[in-house]
C-alpha atoms as a PDB file:
ATOM      1  CA  PRO A   1       5.230 -18.280 -32.547  1.00  0.00           C
ATOM      2  CA  VAL A   2       7.337 -18.185 -29.421  1.00  0.00           C
ATOM      3  CA  SER A   3       5.494 -18.765 -26.168  1.00  0.00           C
ATOM      4  CA  ILE A   4       6.675 -16.643 -23.259  1.00  0.00           C
ATOM      5  CA  PHE A   5       6.185 -18.238 -19.858  1.00  0.00           C
ATOM      6  CA  ASN A   6       6.251 -15.779 -16.993  1.00  0.00           C
ATOM      7  CA  PRO A   7       6.227 -17.604 -13.613  1.00  0.00           C
ATOM      8  CA  LEU A   8       5.567 -14.336 -11.746  1.00  0.00           C
ATOM      9  CA  ALA A   9       2.412 -13.698 -13.789  1.00  0.00           C
ATOM     10  CA  VAL A  10       1.238 -17.273 -13.103  1.00  0.00           C
ATOM     11  CA  LYS A  11       1.886 -16.793  -9.365  1.00  0.00           C
ATOM     12  CA  ILE A  12      -0.050 -13.503  -9.342  1.00  0.00           C
ATOM     13  CA  ARG A  13      -2.976 -15.068 -11.207  1.00  0.00           C
ATOM     14  CA  SER A  14      -3.051 -18.053  -8.860  1.00  0.00           C
ATOM     15  CA  ASN A  15      -3.067 -15.746  -5.817  1.00  0.00           C
ATOM     16  CA  PHE A  16      -6.065 -13.872  -7.177  1.00  0.00           C
ATOM     17  CA  GLN A  17      -8.075 -16.887  -8.396  1.00  0.00           C
ATOM     18  CA  ASN A  18      -9.406 -17.717  -4.951  1.00  0.00           C
ATOM     19  CA  SER A  19      -9.713 -14.097  -3.803  1.00  0.00           C
ATOM     20  CA  LEU A  20     -12.642 -11.794  -4.332  1.00  0.00           C
ATOM     21  CA  ILE A  21     -11.359  -8.231  -4.600  1.00  0.00           C
ATOM     22  CA  SER A  22     -13.603  -6.007  -2.541  1.00  0.00           C
ATOM     23  CA  ARG A  23     -14.007  -2.252  -2.566  1.00  0.00           C
ATOM     24  CA  HIS A  24     -15.009  -2.429   1.095  1.00  0.00           C
ATOM     25  CA  ASP A  25     -12.070  -4.255   2.654  1.00  0.00           C
ATOM     26  CA  SER A  26      -8.442  -5.166   2.082  1.00  0.00           C
ATOM     27  CA  THR A  27      -7.847  -8.519   0.374  1.00  0.00           C
ATOM     28  CA  HIS A  28      -5.788 -10.950   2.442  1.00  0.00           C
ATOM     29  CA  GLY A  29      -3.195 -13.111   0.740  1.00  0.00           C
ATOM     30  CA  THR A  30       0.538 -13.431   0.189  1.00  0.00           C
ATOM     31  CA  PRO A  31       1.961 -11.337  -2.656  1.00  0.00           C
ATOM     32  CA  PRO A  32       4.466 -13.059  -4.963  1.00  0.00           C
ATOM     33  CA  VAL A  33       7.220 -10.619  -3.952  1.00  0.00           C
ATOM     34  CA  PRO A  34       7.447  -8.161  -1.017  1.00  0.00           C
ATOM     35  CA  GLY A  35       5.658  -4.905  -1.765  1.00  0.00           C
ATOM     36  CA  ALA A  36       3.664  -6.318  -4.700  1.00  0.00           C
ATOM     37  CA  CYS A  37       0.422  -5.167  -3.161  1.00  0.00           C
ATOM     38  CA  GLY A  38      -2.249  -3.168  -4.946  1.00  0.00           C
ATOM     39  CA  LEU A  39      -4.443  -0.323  -3.777  1.00  0.00           C
ATOM     40  CA  VAL A  40      -8.195  -0.519  -4.270  1.00  0.00           C
ATOM     41  CA  ASN A  41      -9.570   2.373  -6.323  1.00  0.00           C
ATOM     42  CA  LEU A  42     -12.208   4.206  -4.295  1.00  0.00           C
ATOM     43  CA  GLY A  43     -13.903   6.034  -7.143  1.00  0.00           C
ATOM     44  CA  ASN A  44     -11.625   8.837  -8.260  1.00  0.00           C
ATOM     45  CA  THR A  45      -8.509   7.855  -6.287  1.00  0.00           C
ATOM     46  CA  CYS A  46      -6.416   6.344  -9.099  1.00  0.00           C
ATOM     47  CA  TYR A  47      -4.025   9.334  -9.218  1.00  0.00           C
ATOM     48  CA  ILE A  48      -3.475   9.403  -5.452  1.00  0.00           C
ATOM     49  CA  ASN A  49      -3.037   5.595  -5.505  1.00  0.00           C
ATOM     50  CA  SER A  50      -0.278   6.000  -8.102  1.00  0.00           C
ATOM     51  CA  ALA A  51       1.463   8.614  -5.955  1.00  0.00           C
ATOM     52  CA  LEU A  52       1.102   6.434  -2.842  1.00  0.00           C
ATOM     53  CA  GLN A  53       2.634   3.462  -4.675  1.00  0.00           C
ATOM     54  CA  CYS A  54       5.581   5.659  -5.749  1.00  0.00           C
ATOM     55  CA  LEU A  55       6.094   6.795  -2.140  1.00  0.00           C
ATOM     56  CA  SER A  56       5.829   3.203  -0.945  1.00  0.00           C
ATOM     57  CA  HIS A  57       8.605   2.136  -3.323  1.00  0.00           C
ATOM     58  CA  THR A  58      10.979   4.942  -2.294  1.00  0.00           C
ATOM     59  CA  PRO A  59      13.494   2.909  -0.230  1.00  0.00           C
ATOM     60  CA  MET A  60      14.594   5.542   2.316  1.00  0.00           C
ATOM     61  CA  LEU A  61      11.073   6.825   2.979  1.00  0.00           C
ATOM     62  CA  ARG A  62       9.743   3.270   3.275  1.00  0.00           C
ATOM     63  CA  ALA A  63      12.471   2.287   5.768  1.00  0.00           C
ATOM     64  CA  TYR A  64      11.829   5.445   7.786  1.00  0.00           C
ATOM     65  CA  LEU A  65       8.073   4.844   8.022  1.00  0.00           C
ATOM     66  CA  LEU A  66       8.371   1.092   8.629  1.00  0.00           C
ATOM     67  CA  SER A  67      10.654   1.834  11.600  1.00  0.00           C
ATOM     68  CA  ASN A  68       8.074   4.301  13.055  1.00  0.00           C
ATOM     69  CA  MET A  69      10.784   6.974  13.404  1.00  0.00           C
ATOM     70  CA  GLN A  70       8.284   9.608  12.248  1.00  0.00           C
ATOM     71  CA  ARG A  71       6.561   9.374  15.632  1.00  0.00           C
ATOM     72  CA  LEU A  72       9.625  10.925  17.270  1.00  0.00           C
ATOM     73  CA  GLU A  73       9.782  13.834  14.830  1.00  0.00           C
ATOM     74  CA  VAL A  74       6.196  14.831  13.982  1.00  0.00           C
ATOM     75  CA  ASN A  75       4.953  18.027  15.600  1.00  0.00           C
ATOM     76  CA  ALA A  76       1.380  17.006  16.468  1.00  0.00           C
ATOM     77  CA  ALA A  77       0.774  20.345  18.194  1.00  0.00           C
ATOM     78  CA  ASN A  78       1.333  22.429  15.048  1.00  0.00           C
ATOM     79  CA  SER A  79      -1.982  24.120  14.303  1.00  0.00           C
ATOM     80  CA  LEU A  80      -0.944  24.879  10.711  1.00  0.00           C
ATOM     81  CA  GLY A  81      -0.495  21.258   9.657  1.00  0.00           C
ATOM     82  CA  THR A  82      -2.436  18.027   9.919  1.00  0.00           C
ATOM     83  CA  LYS A  83      -1.170  17.371  13.465  1.00  0.00           C
ATOM     84  CA  GLY A  84       0.708  14.345  12.184  1.00  0.00           C
ATOM     85  CA  LYS A  85      -2.399  12.595  10.831  1.00  0.00           C
ATOM     86  CA  LEU A  86      -1.213  12.542   7.223  1.00  0.00           C
ATOM     87  CA  VAL A  87       2.179  10.989   7.960  1.00  0.00           C
ATOM     88  CA  GLU A  88       0.593   8.497  10.374  1.00  0.00           C
ATOM     89  CA  GLU A  89      -1.907   7.390   7.706  1.00  0.00           C
ATOM     90  CA  LEU A  90       0.944   7.044   5.206  1.00  0.00           C
ATOM     91  CA  ALA A  91       2.965   4.988   7.703  1.00  0.00           C
ATOM     92  CA  LEU A  92      -0.009   2.689   8.415  1.00  0.00           C
ATOM     93  CA  LEU A  93      -0.641   2.220   4.710  1.00  0.00           C
ATOM     94  CA  ILE A  94       3.007   1.440   3.924  1.00  0.00           C
ATOM     95  CA  GLN A  95       3.110  -1.004   6.837  1.00  0.00           C
ATOM     96  CA  LYS A  96       0.102  -2.825   5.350  1.00  0.00           C
ATOM     97  CA  LEU A  97       1.530  -2.752   1.823  1.00  0.00           C
ATOM     98  CA  TRP A  98       4.812  -4.310   2.988  1.00  0.00           C
ATOM     99  CA  SER A  99       3.402  -6.743   5.580  1.00  0.00           C
ATOM    100  CA  ASN A 100       3.158  -9.628   3.056  1.00  0.00           C
ATOM    101  CA  GLN A 101      -0.385 -10.236   4.338  1.00  0.00           C
ATOM    102  CA  TYR A 102      -2.405  -8.484   1.609  1.00  0.00           C
ATOM    103  CA  LEU A 103      -2.860  -8.652  -2.147  1.00  0.00           C
ATOM    104  CA  CYS A 104      -4.817  -5.381  -2.184  1.00  0.00           C
ATOM    105  CA  VAL A 105      -5.212  -2.695   0.454  1.00  0.00           C
ATOM    106  CA  LEU A 106      -8.073  -0.263   0.897  1.00  0.00           C
ATOM    107  CA  PRO A 107      -6.515   3.235   1.318  1.00  0.00           C
ATOM    108  CA  ILE A 108      -9.546   4.611   3.157  1.00  0.00           C
ATOM    109  CA  GLY A 109      -7.449   6.851   5.429  1.00  0.00           C
ATOM    110  CA  PHE A 110      -6.528   9.037   2.457  1.00  0.00           C
ATOM    111  CA  LYS A 111     -10.085   9.270   1.183  1.00  0.00           C
ATOM    112  CA  ARG A 112     -11.358  10.901   4.380  1.00  0.00           C
END
């Protein structure tokens, strides 16, 4: 049998060996590659976590939110919308996911 050695998988395992994944806090650590950061499942949030990961890996949207350009364009006074809260929570989450400081992030802002 052929043995397949995947250095990325070894790096991921070694990053998690000394980390206790918590459902109450984000897990600090350096991901093996930028953006390789998980989202903690808060009960029934697996579908929203999948959608958030897809948004996070959309290059133009990610660049836009990481640059904080949304702050210049959001209409916080619009009574029909979320007053900018949704896009601000998304921007904060994407900033955490791409900060290279976390292995897993708690997406509590989307649960509320």
